[in-house]
C-alpha atoms as a PDB file:
ATOM      1  CA  MET A   1       6.047   3.288  23.432  1.00  0.00           C
ATOM      2  CA  SER A   2       5.884   0.659  20.719  1.00  0.00           C
ATOM      3  CA  GLU A   3       9.200  -0.840  19.617  1.00  0.00           C
ATOM      4  CA  ARG A   4       7.966  -0.239  16.062  1.00  0.00           C
ATOM      5  CA  THR A   5       7.930   3.557  16.475  1.00  0.00           C
ATOM      6  CA  ASN A   6      11.244   4.050  14.727  1.00  0.00           C
ATOM      7  CA  GLN A   7      10.766   1.416  12.035  1.00  0.00           C
ATOM      8  CA  PRO A   8      10.253   3.162   8.677  1.00  0.00           C
ATOM      9  CA  ILE A   9       7.130   2.804   6.591  1.00  0.00           C
ATOM     10  CA  LEU A  10       7.618   2.336   2.844  1.00  0.00           C
ATOM     11  CA  ILE A  11       5.054   3.684   0.367  1.00  0.00           C
ATOM     12  CA  VAL A  12       5.432   2.080  -3.061  1.00  0.00           C
ATOM     13  CA  GLY A  13       3.875   4.512  -5.534  1.00  0.00           C
ATOM     14  CA  ALA A  14       3.385   8.280  -5.390  1.00  0.00           C
ATOM     15  CA  GLY A  15       0.096   8.576  -7.255  1.00  0.00           C
ATOM     16  CA  GLY A  16      -3.611   8.344  -6.469  1.00  0.00           C
ATOM     17  CA  LEU A  17      -3.109   6.004  -3.505  1.00  0.00           C
ATOM     18  CA  GLY A  18       0.393   6.865  -2.352  1.00  0.00           C
ATOM     19  CA  ILE A  19      -0.037  10.630  -2.090  1.00  0.00           C
ATOM     20  CA  PRO A  20      -3.119  10.486   0.203  1.00  0.00           C
ATOM     21  CA  ALA A  21      -1.303   7.892   2.320  1.00  0.00           C
ATOM     22  CA  ALA A  22       1.806  10.095   2.549  1.00  0.00           C
ATOM     23  CA  MET A  23      -0.258  13.153   3.433  1.00  0.00           C
ATOM     24  CA  ALA A  24      -2.017  11.208   6.200  1.00  0.00           C
ATOM     25  CA  LEU A  25       1.291  10.010   7.661  1.00  0.00           C
ATOM     26  CA  ALA A  26       2.689  13.542   7.566  1.00  0.00           C
ATOM     27  CA  ARG A  27      -0.396  14.969   9.297  1.00  0.00           C
ATOM     28  CA  ALA A  28       0.013  12.338  12.014  1.00  0.00           C
ATOM     29  CA  GLN A  29       3.618  13.505  12.477  1.00  0.00           C
ATOM     30  CA  SER A  30       4.974  10.155  11.380  1.00  0.00           C
ATOM     31  CA  ASN A  31       8.674  10.899  11.463  1.00  0.00           C
ATOM     32  CA  ASP A  32      10.099   8.167   9.283  1.00  0.00           C
ATOM     33  CA  PHE A  33       8.678   7.007   5.973  1.00  0.00           C
ATOM     34  CA  SER A  34       9.855   6.742   2.406  1.00  0.00           C
ATOM     35  CA  LEU A  35       8.373   7.107  -1.060  1.00  0.00           C
ATOM     36  CA  ILE A  36       9.472   5.144  -4.105  1.00  0.00           C
ATOM     37  CA  ASP A  37       8.223   5.822  -7.639  1.00  0.00           C
ATOM     38  CA  PRO A  38       9.987   6.056 -11.015  1.00  0.00           C
ATOM     39  CA  ASP A  39       7.639   8.550 -12.669  1.00  0.00           C
ATOM     40  CA  GLN A  40       7.633  12.293 -13.234  1.00  0.00           C
ATOM     41  CA  VAL A  41       4.664  14.553 -12.590  1.00  0.00           C
ATOM     42  CA  ASP A  42       2.497  14.800 -15.689  1.00  0.00           C
ATOM     43  CA  LEU A  43      -0.137  17.418 -16.417  1.00  0.00           C
ATOM     44  CA  SER A  44      -2.785  14.676 -16.367  1.00  0.00           C
ATOM     45  CA  ASN A  45      -1.907  13.886 -12.736  1.00  0.00           C
ATOM     46  CA  LEU A  46      -2.929  17.283 -11.385  1.00  0.00           C
ATOM     47  CA  PRO A  47      -6.724  16.776 -11.120  1.00  0.00           C
ATOM     48  CA  ARG A  48      -6.376  13.583  -9.032  1.00  0.00           C
ATOM     49  CA  GLN A  49      -3.052  13.862  -7.221  1.00  0.00           C
ATOM     50  CA  VAL A  50      -3.694  17.075  -5.352  1.00  0.00           C
ATOM     51  CA  ILE A  51      -0.261  17.600  -3.821  1.00  0.00           C
ATOM     52  CA  TYR A  52       1.266  18.422  -7.207  1.00  0.00           C
ATOM     53  CA  ARG A  53       1.218  21.815  -8.897  1.00  0.00           C
ATOM     54  CA  THR A  54       1.737  22.982 -12.469  1.00  0.00           C
ATOM     55  CA  GLY A  55       5.309  23.935 -11.624  1.00  0.00           C
ATOM     56  CA  ASP A  56       6.022  20.310 -10.644  1.00  0.00           C
ATOM     57  CA  VAL A  57       5.362  18.958 -14.153  1.00  0.00           C
ATOM     58  CA  GLY A  58       8.501  17.166 -15.331  1.00  0.00           C
ATOM     59  CA  THR A  59       9.834  16.728 -11.771  1.00  0.00           C
ATOM     60  CA  ALA A  60      10.142  13.286 -10.192  1.00  0.00           C
ATOM     61  CA  LYS A  61       6.921  12.600  -8.298  1.00  0.00           C
ATOM     62  CA  VAL A  62       8.676  11.600  -5.091  1.00  0.00           C
ATOM     63  CA  THR A  63      10.821  14.749  -5.181  1.00  0.00           C
ATOM     64  CA  ALA A  64       7.842  17.060  -5.688  1.00  0.00           C
ATOM     65  CA  ALA A  65       5.767  15.251  -3.052  1.00  0.00           C
ATOM     66  CA  ALA A  66       8.530  15.302  -0.443  1.00  0.00           C
ATOM     67  CA  ARG A  67       9.164  18.997  -1.073  1.00  0.00           C
ATOM     68  CA  ALA A  68       5.479  19.825  -0.542  1.00  0.00           C
ATOM     69  CA  LEU A  69       5.195  17.674   2.587  1.00  0.00           C
ATOM     70  CA  ARG A  70       8.335  19.129   4.152  1.00  0.00           C
ATOM     71  CA  ARG A  71       6.946  22.601   3.524  1.00  0.00           C
ATOM     72  CA  THR A  72       3.689  21.926   5.386  1.00  0.00           C
ATOM     73  CA  HIS A  73       5.001  19.367   7.910  1.00  0.00           C
ATOM     74  CA  PRO A  74       8.677  20.213   8.534  1.00  0.00           C
ATOM     75  CA  GLN A  75       8.938  17.754  11.417  1.00  0.00           C
ATOM     76  CA  THR A  76       8.301  14.778   9.122  1.00  0.00           C
ATOM     77  CA  GLY A  77      11.271  12.756   7.900  1.00  0.00           C
ATOM     78  CA  ILE A  78      10.754  11.624   4.292  1.00  0.00           C
ATOM     79  CA  ALA A  79      13.221   9.607   2.227  1.00  0.00           C
ATOM     80  CA  THR A  80      12.769   9.297  -1.526  1.00  0.00           C
ATOM     81  CA  GLN A  81      13.865   6.886  -4.238  1.00  0.00           C
ATOM     82  CA  VAL A  82      13.321   7.695  -7.907  1.00  0.00           C
ATOM     83  CA  CYS A  83      13.022   4.162  -9.218  1.00  0.00           C
ATOM     84  CA  ALA A  84      10.586   1.331  -9.678  1.00  0.00           C
ATOM     85  CA  LEU A  85      10.380  -1.583  -7.281  1.00  0.00           C
ATOM     86  CA  THR A  86      11.736  -4.543  -9.263  1.00  0.00           C
ATOM     87  CA  PRO A  87      12.797  -8.137  -8.574  1.00  0.00           C
ATOM     88  CA  ASP A  88      16.390  -6.869  -8.570  1.00  0.00           C
ATOM     89  CA  ASN A  89      15.969  -4.288  -5.797  1.00  0.00           C
ATOM     90  CA  ALA A  90      12.828  -5.329  -3.892  1.00  0.00           C
ATOM     91  CA  PHE A  91      14.545  -7.430  -1.239  1.00  0.00           C
ATOM     92  CA  ALA A  92      17.041  -4.712  -0.340  1.00  0.00           C
ATOM     93  CA  ILE A  93      14.430  -1.936  -0.286  1.00  0.00           C
ATOM     94  CA  ILE A  94      11.759  -3.838   1.653  1.00  0.00           C
ATOM     95  CA  SER A  95      14.190  -5.352   4.154  1.00  0.00           C
ATOM     96  CA  ALA A  96      15.107  -1.792   5.225  1.00  0.00           C
ATOM     97  CA  CYS A  97      11.535  -0.974   6.292  1.00  0.00           C
ATOM     98  CA  GLY A  98       9.087  -2.227   8.890  1.00  0.00           C
ATOM     99  CA  PHE A  99       5.769  -1.923   7.035  1.00  0.00           C
ATOM    100  CA  VAL A 100       4.870  -1.535   3.348  1.00  0.00           C
ATOM    101  CA  ILE A 101       1.984   0.408   1.822  1.00  0.00           C
ATOM    102  CA  ASP A 102       1.130  -0.926  -1.637  1.00  0.00           C
ATOM    103  CA  ALA A 103       0.108   2.168  -3.617  1.00  0.00           C
ATOM    104  CA  THR A 104       0.871   0.781  -7.060  1.00  0.00           C
ATOM    105  CA  ASP A 105      -1.461   0.527 -10.055  1.00  0.00           C
ATOM    106  CA  ASN A 106       0.257  -2.543 -11.489  1.00  0.00           C
ATOM    107  CA  PRO A 107      -0.853  -6.048 -10.413  1.00  0.00           C
ATOM    108  CA  ILE A 108       2.615  -7.425 -11.163  1.00  0.00           C
ATOM    109  CA  ALA A 109       4.107  -4.970  -8.674  1.00  0.00           C
ATOM    110  CA  LYS A 110       1.453  -5.918  -6.119  1.00  0.00           C
ATOM    111  CA  PHE A 111       2.398  -9.590  -6.364  1.00  0.00           C
ATOM    112  CA  LEU A 112       6.086  -8.656  -6.102  1.00  0.00           C
ATOM    113  CA  ILE A 113       5.368  -6.750  -2.880  1.00  0.00           C
ATOM    114  CA  ASN A 114       3.332  -9.699  -1.593  1.00  0.00           C
ATOM    115  CA  ASP A 115       5.998 -12.282  -2.368  1.00  0.00           C
ATOM    116  CA  VAL A 116       8.947 -10.334  -0.984  1.00  0.00           C
ATOM    117  CA  CYS A 117       7.074  -9.235   2.150  1.00  0.00           C
ATOM    118  CA  THR A 118       5.934 -12.776   2.930  1.00  0.00           C
ATOM    119  CA  GLN A 119       9.484 -14.074   2.484  1.00  0.00           C
ATOM    120  CA  LEU A 120      10.966 -11.333   4.662  1.00  0.00           C
ATOM    121  CA  GLY A 121       8.165 -11.369   7.228  1.00  0.00           C
ATOM    122  CA  ARG A 122       7.229  -7.736   6.579  1.00  0.00           C
ATOM    123  CA  PRO A 123       3.580  -6.757   7.082  1.00  0.00           C
ATOM    124  CA  PHE A 124       1.960  -4.763   4.306  1.00  0.00           C
ATOM    125  CA  VAL A 125      -1.378  -3.368   3.222  1.00  0.00           C
ATOM    126  CA  TYR A 126      -2.616  -4.178  -0.268  1.00  0.00           C
ATOM    127  CA  ALA A 127      -5.017  -1.840  -2.086  1.00  0.00           C
ATOM    128  CA  GLY A 128      -6.607  -1.390  -5.467  1.00  0.00           C
ATOM    129  CA  VAL A 129      -9.050   1.021  -7.083  1.00  0.00           C
ATOM    130  CA  ILE A 130     -11.102   0.628 -10.267  1.00  0.00           C
ATOM    131  CA  GLY A 131     -13.580   3.336 -11.167  1.00  0.00           C
ATOM    132  CA  MET A 132     -15.833   4.025  -8.178  1.00  0.00           C
ATOM    133  CA  THR A 133     -14.734   0.970  -6.174  1.00  0.00           C
ATOM    134  CA  GLY A 134     -11.706   0.494  -3.948  1.00  0.00           C
ATOM    135  CA  GLN A 135     -10.463  -2.238  -1.656  1.00  0.00           C
ATOM    136  CA  ALA A 136      -7.769  -2.823   0.940  1.00  0.00           C
ATOM    137  CA  MET A 137      -6.449  -5.740   3.006  1.00  0.00           C
ATOM    138  CA  THR A 138      -3.551  -5.996   5.434  1.00  0.00           C
ATOM    139  CA  VAL A 139      -1.260  -9.013   5.326  1.00  0.00           C
ATOM    140  CA  LEU A 140       0.623 -10.226   8.395  1.00  0.00           C
ATOM    141  CA  PRO A 141       3.011 -12.817   6.911  1.00  0.00           C
ATOM    142  CA  GLY A 142       2.489 -16.291   8.313  1.00  0.00           C
ATOM    143  CA  LYS A 143      -0.539 -15.141  10.290  1.00  0.00           C
ATOM    144  CA  SER A 144      -3.187 -13.819   7.900  1.00  0.00           C
ATOM    145  CA  ALA A 145      -4.119 -14.478   4.283  1.00  0.00           C
ATOM    146  CA  CYS A 146      -1.836 -13.042   1.618  1.00  0.00           C
ATOM    147  CA  LEU A 147      -2.592 -11.916  -1.923  1.00  0.00           C
ATOM    148  CA  ARG A 148      -1.811 -15.364  -3.335  1.00  0.00           C
ATOM    149  CA  CYS A 149      -4.328 -16.898  -0.936  1.00  0.00           C
ATOM    150  CA  LEU A 150      -6.906 -14.974  -2.993  1.00  0.00           C
ATOM    151  CA  PHE A 151      -5.336 -15.164  -6.458  1.00  0.00           C
ATOM    152  CA  GLU A 152      -2.672 -17.763  -7.115  1.00  0.00           C
ATOM    153  CA  GLU A 153      -1.285 -15.883 -10.113  1.00  0.00           C
ATOM    154  CA  PRO A 154      -1.317 -12.262 -11.348  1.00  0.00           C
ATOM    155  CA  PRO A 155      -3.991 -11.369 -13.910  1.00  0.00           C
ATOM    156  CA  SER A 156      -3.335 -11.657 -17.623  1.00  0.00           C
ATOM    157  CA  VAL A 157      -2.024  -8.787 -19.733  1.00  0.00           C
ATOM    158  CA  GLU A 158      -5.512  -8.336 -21.182  1.00  0.00           C
ATOM    159  CA  GLU A 159      -7.097  -8.072 -17.737  1.00  0.00           C
ATOM    160  CA  ILE A 160      -4.487  -5.534 -16.624  1.00  0.00           C
ATOM    161  CA  ALA A 161      -5.127  -3.423 -19.720  1.00  0.00           C
ATOM    162  CA  SER A 162      -8.884  -3.550 -19.123  1.00  0.00           C
ATOM    163  CA  CYS A 163      -8.477  -2.351 -15.526  1.00  0.00           C
ATOM    164  CA  ARG A 164      -6.283   0.544 -16.590  1.00  0.00           C
ATOM    165  CA  GLU A 165      -8.798   1.616 -19.178  1.00  0.00           C
ATOM    166  CA  ALA A 166     -11.454   1.766 -16.439  1.00  0.00           C
ATOM    167  CA  GLY A 167      -9.360   4.360 -14.587  1.00  0.00           C
ATOM    168  CA  ILE A 168      -9.959   5.544 -11.039  1.00  0.00           C
ATOM    169  CA  VAL A 169     -12.011   8.269  -9.395  1.00  0.00           C
ATOM    170  CA  GLY A 170      -9.708  10.538  -7.376  1.00  0.00           C
ATOM    171  CA  PRO A 171     -11.716  10.719  -4.117  1.00  0.00           C
ATOM    172  CA  VAL A 172     -12.022   6.920  -4.040  1.00  0.00           C
ATOM    173  CA  GLY A 173      -8.244   6.590  -4.318  1.00  0.00           C
ATOM    174  CA  GLY A 174      -7.906   9.222  -1.603  1.00  0.00           C
ATOM    175  CA  THR A 175     -10.194   7.295   0.742  1.00  0.00           C
ATOM    176  CA  ILE A 176      -8.378   4.000   0.227  1.00  0.00           C
ATOM    177  CA  GLY A 177      -4.965   5.667   0.583  1.00  0.00           C
ATOM    178  CA  GLU A 178      -6.037   7.153   3.924  1.00  0.00           C
ATOM    179  CA  ILE A 179      -7.216   3.716   5.053  1.00  0.00           C
ATOM    180  CA  GLU A 180      -3.828   2.260   4.133  1.00  0.00           C
ATOM    181  CA  ALA A 181      -2.063   4.925   6.165  1.00  0.00           C
ATOM    182  CA  ALA A 182      -4.328   4.178   9.146  1.00  0.00           C
ATOM    183  CA  GLU A 183      -3.347   0.505   8.960  1.00  0.00           C
ATOM    184  CA  ALA A 184       0.354   1.438   8.925  1.00  0.00           C
ATOM    185  CA  MET A 185      -0.111   3.742  11.911  1.00  0.00           C
ATOM    186  CA  ARG A 186      -1.988   1.075  13.873  1.00  0.00           C
ATOM    187  CA  TRP A 187       0.885  -1.333  13.237  1.00  0.00           C
ATOM    188  CA  ARG A 188       3.476   1.263  14.237  1.00  0.00           C
ATOM    189  CA  ALA A 189       1.592   1.925  17.486  1.00  0.00           C
ATOM    190  CA  GLY A 190       1.797  -1.764  18.366  1.00  0.00           C
ATOM    191  CA  LEU A 191      -1.879  -2.415  17.630  1.00  0.00           C
ATOM    192  CA  MET A 192      -3.424  -5.107  15.460  1.00  0.00           C
ATOM    193  CA  PRO A 193      -4.228  -3.708  11.999  1.00  0.00           C
ATOM    194  CA  ALA A 194      -7.996  -3.606  11.558  1.00  0.00           C
ATOM    195  CA  LEU A 195      -7.859  -5.221   8.103  1.00  0.00           C
ATOM    196  CA  ALA A 196      -5.608  -8.185   8.889  1.00  0.00           C
ATOM    197  CA  GLY A 197      -7.446 -11.139   7.384  1.00  0.00           C
ATOM    198  CA  LYS A 198     -10.262  -8.926   6.119  1.00  0.00           C
ATOM    199  CA  MET A 199     -10.939  -7.269   2.765  1.00  0.00           C
ATOM    200  CA  LEU A 200     -12.513  -3.836   2.965  1.00  0.00           C
ATOM    201  CA  THR A 201     -14.490  -2.922  -0.151  1.00  0.00           C
ATOM    202  CA  TYR A 202     -15.701   0.639  -0.657  1.00  0.00           C
ATOM    203  CA  ASP A 203     -18.363   1.249  -3.293  1.00  0.00           C
ATOM    204  CA  ALA A 204     -18.647   5.011  -3.719  1.00  0.00           C
ATOM    205  CA  LEU A 205     -21.522   4.692  -6.187  1.00  0.00           C
ATOM    206  CA  LYS A 206     -23.693   2.927  -3.594  1.00  0.00           C
ATOM    207  CA  SER A 207     -22.103   4.616  -0.551  1.00  0.00           C
ATOM    208  CA  GLN A 208     -21.412   1.181   0.904  1.00  0.00           C
ATOM    209  CA  VAL A 209     -18.506  -0.286   2.853  1.00  0.00           C
ATOM    210  CA  ARG A 210     -18.215  -4.052   3.231  1.00  0.00           C
ATOM    211  CA  LEU A 211     -15.793  -6.151   5.310  1.00  0.00           C
ATOM    212  CA  THR A 212     -15.213  -9.701   4.087  1.00  0.00           C
ATOM    213  CA  PRO A 213     -13.174 -12.217   6.128  1.00  0.00           C
ATOM    214  CA  ILE A 214     -10.420 -13.755   3.999  1.00  0.00           C
ATOM    215  CA  ALA A 215      -9.226 -17.220   5.015  1.00  0.00           C
ATOM    216  CA  ALA A 216      -5.662 -18.319   4.354  1.00  0.00           C
ATOM    217  CA  ARG A 217      -5.513 -20.874   1.534  1.00  0.00           C
ATOM    218  CA  ALA A 218      -4.190 -24.331   2.280  1.00  0.00           C
ATOM    219  CA  GLY A 219      -1.069 -24.948   0.239  1.00  0.00           C
ATOM    220  CA  CYS A 220      -0.194 -21.276  -0.213  1.00  0.00           C
ATOM    221  CA  GLY A 221       3.488 -20.612   0.299  1.00  0.00           C
ATOM    222  CA  CYS A 222       2.799 -17.868   2.846  1.00  0.00           C
ATOM    223  CA  GLY A 223       2.144 -20.523   5.498  1.00  0.00           C
ATOM    224  CA  ALA A 224      -0.726 -18.681   7.150  1.00  0.00           C
ATOM    225  CA  ALA A 225      -3.082 -21.662   6.739  1.00  0.00           C
ATOM    226  CA  ASN A 226      -0.646 -23.850   8.700  1.00  0.00           C
ATOM    227  CA  THR A 227      -0.551 -21.287  11.495  1.00  0.00           C
ATOM    228  CA  ALA A 228      -4.347 -21.203  11.619  1.00  0.00           C
ATOM    229  CA  ALA A 229      -4.524 -25.005  11.700  1.00  0.00           C
ATOM    230  CA  GLU A 230      -1.987 -25.197  14.536  1.00  0.00           C
ATOM    231  CA  ALA A 231      -3.896 -22.579  16.503  1.00  0.00           C
ATOM    232  CA  GLY A 232      -7.133 -24.512  16.010  1.00  0.00           C
ATOM    233  CA  ALA A 233      -5.514 -27.770  17.146  1.00  0.00           C
ATOM    234  CA  ALA A 234      -4.050 -26.099  20.242  1.00  0.00           C
ATOM    235  CA  SER A 235      -7.443 -24.746  21.271  1.00  0.00           C
END
C-alpha cells in the first residue's frame, strides 16, 4: 500500500471543476479529501454544477456538496472550509494536505496555489476551462515544469475579465475535473501522474485531445530546470 494513502487531497474550489473532481474521488472511495470555497450556491450554478439542488441555494457550496456526497458515498471522509484560499491562510491549509487540485476560476488563485505548493513541495494539478476548451497539467515541485515556467506573471485584469466573459461549458469542466481527480488518485496510489510535465488540452468543439510536453524554464524559482540539467549531466 502506498505511504500516500492516508495523505489528504485538497480541492480548491467547489464549482464546475471542483464538484466533478469531488464526485470522482467519492466514487473511488477516497476516504480523505477536503473542499475549500467561500461561495454560496446560486441559482445560476444549478445547470452546470449538477450536485446542487434548488433547496441548496443560499447554502455554502462546500456544505451542500459534502452533504450530497456523504448521502451517496457514506464511507467517504470529507472536510470542508467555507473560505477563500488567500496569501494569509494558504501555507497553513496546503501544508496540511498531500496533493492539491486547482479547481479555481481565478488566475490569481492559480498562481497562489502554484507558488505555495512549489515552496512546500506539494504536488498539484492545474486546470482551466474557457468555453469549449479545457486544459490540465500536473506539477511535481522541483521535478516538472510549474505554472510560472509557462507564464512568469498572472494575466492582467483585462485578460481575466475577458476569460470570465467567455464562460465555460459544463461538460467540458466536468471532463477536466475528472482528469484532475484521476491525477490525484494516481499520485495517492504511488504512481507517476500521467500529466507531470505535460499539458493536456481538450477541444470539445473539434473532439480532439492533445498532449504537449512542457519543459521547465531556466531561471524559474521552482528549480525544476536545475533538476533536469543535473539529470542530463549524470546520464
